[in-house]
Amino acid sequence: MFFGWILVIAVVYLLVKGDTKVNFTQKESPEQKLKERYINGEIDEETYLRMKSVIHGK
């Protein structure tokens, strides 16, 4: 019984403490993801510009 309480307290502590590196309130926008793909060389400039115009609805 004693170990059960310790386990419950440990689980609650880990849930409340959370991970400071994870921030669920700030999600990357589609344009930020697109820019990151371009910078990493995953897509070329033409594709970047075309996809950017699609994102902005132009």
C-alpha atoms as a PDB file:
ATOM      1  CA  MET A   1       0.000   0.000   0.000  1.00  0.00           C
ATOM      2  CA  PHE A   2       2.837   2.372   0.844  1.00  0.00           C
ATOM      3  CA  PHE A   3       4.522   1.801  -2.527  1.00  0.00           C
ATOM      4  CA  GLY A   4       1.230   2.443  -4.287  1.00  0.00           C
ATOM      5  CA  TRP A   5       1.040   5.926  -2.789  1.00  0.00           C
ATOM      6  CA  ILE A   6       4.634   6.629  -3.758  1.00  0.00           C
ATOM      7  CA  LEU A   7       3.838   5.591  -7.328  1.00  0.00           C
ATOM      8  CA  VAL A   8       0.747   7.822  -7.434  1.00  0.00           C
ATOM      9  CA  ILE A   9       2.687  10.792  -6.069  1.00  0.00           C
ATOM     10  CA  ALA A  10       5.505  10.223  -8.569  1.00  0.00           C
ATOM     11  CA  VAL A  11       3.090  10.096 -11.510  1.00  0.00           C
ATOM     12  CA  VAL A  12       1.278  13.250 -10.378  1.00  0.00           C
ATOM     13  CA  TYR A  13       4.605  15.034  -9.907  1.00  0.00           C
ATOM     14  CA  LEU A  14       5.774  14.119 -13.414  1.00  0.00           C
ATOM     15  CA  LEU A  15       2.484  15.251 -14.948  1.00  0.00           C
ATOM     16  CA  VAL A  16       2.480  18.569 -13.100  1.00  0.00           C
ATOM     17  CA  LYS A  17       6.171  19.248 -13.606  1.00  0.00           C
ATOM     18  CA  GLY A  18       5.958  18.788 -17.373  1.00  0.00           C
ATOM     19  CA  ASP A  19       8.739  19.211 -19.864  1.00  0.00           C
ATOM     20  CA  THR A  20       9.939  22.795 -20.251  1.00  0.00           C
ATOM     21  CA  LYS A  21      11.129  22.142 -23.815  1.00  0.00           C
ATOM     22  CA  VAL A  22       7.652  21.300 -25.065  1.00  0.00           C
ATOM     23  CA  ASN A  23       5.434  24.290 -25.739  1.00  0.00           C
ATOM     24  CA  PHE A  24       2.013  23.340 -27.041  1.00  0.00           C
ATOM     25  CA  THR A  25       0.773  26.923 -27.292  1.00  0.00           C
ATOM     26  CA  GLN A  26       3.194  27.977 -30.035  1.00  0.00           C
ATOM     27  CA  LYS A  27       2.709  25.900 -33.154  1.00  0.00           C
ATOM     28  CA  GLU A  28       4.665  26.519 -36.298  1.00  0.00           C
ATOM     29  CA  SER A  29       2.720  28.225 -39.033  1.00  0.00           C
ATOM     30  CA  PRO A  30       2.613  26.621 -42.481  1.00  0.00           C
ATOM     31  CA  GLU A  31       4.832  29.398 -43.799  1.00  0.00           C
ATOM     32  CA  GLN A  32       7.431  28.757 -41.087  1.00  0.00           C
ATOM     33  CA  LYS A  33       7.470  25.048 -41.942  1.00  0.00           C
ATOM     34  CA  LEU A  34       7.783  25.863 -45.633  1.00  0.00           C
ATOM     35  CA  LYS A  35      10.650  28.266 -44.982  1.00  0.00           C
ATOM     36  CA  GLU A  36      12.417  25.622 -42.894  1.00  0.00           C
ATOM     37  CA  ARG A  37      12.103  23.090 -45.734  1.00  0.00           C
ATOM     38  CA  TYR A  38      13.580  25.622 -48.168  1.00  0.00           C
ATOM     39  CA  ILE A  39      16.467  26.471 -45.854  1.00  0.00           C
ATOM     40  CA  ASN A  40      17.238  22.774 -45.322  1.00  0.00           C
ATOM     41  CA  GLY A  41      17.380  22.253 -49.085  1.00  0.00           C
ATOM     42  CA  GLU A  42      14.368  19.944 -49.208  1.00  0.00           C
ATOM     43  CA  ILE A  43      12.669  22.092 -51.862  1.00  0.00           C
ATOM     44  CA  ASP A  44      14.000  24.498 -54.497  1.00  0.00           C
ATOM     45  CA  GLU A  45      13.249  28.208 -54.821  1.00  0.00           C
ATOM     46  CA  GLU A  46      10.581  27.767 -57.487  1.00  0.00           C
ATOM     47  CA  THR A  47       8.681  25.259 -55.360  1.00  0.00           C
ATOM     48  CA  TYR A  48       9.077  27.481 -52.297  1.00  0.00           C
ATOM     49  CA  LEU A  49       7.631  30.530 -54.056  1.00  0.00           C
ATOM     50  CA  ARG A  50       4.767  28.528 -55.602  1.00  0.00           C
ATOM     51  CA  MET A  51       3.813  26.939 -52.286  1.00  0.00           C
ATOM     52  CA  LYS A  52       4.114  30.260 -50.484  1.00  0.00           C
ATOM     53  CA  SER A  53       1.658  31.846 -52.909  1.00  0.00           C
ATOM     54  CA  VAL A  54      -0.745  28.945 -52.332  1.00  0.00           C
ATOM     55  CA  ILE A  55      -0.522  29.459 -48.571  1.00  0.00           C
ATOM     56  CA  HIS A  56      -1.336  33.155 -48.945  1.00  0.00           C
ATOM     57  CA  GLY A  57      -4.153  32.432 -51.399  1.00  0.00           C
ATOM     58  CA  LYS A  58      -2.678  34.382 -54.311  1.00  0.00           C
END
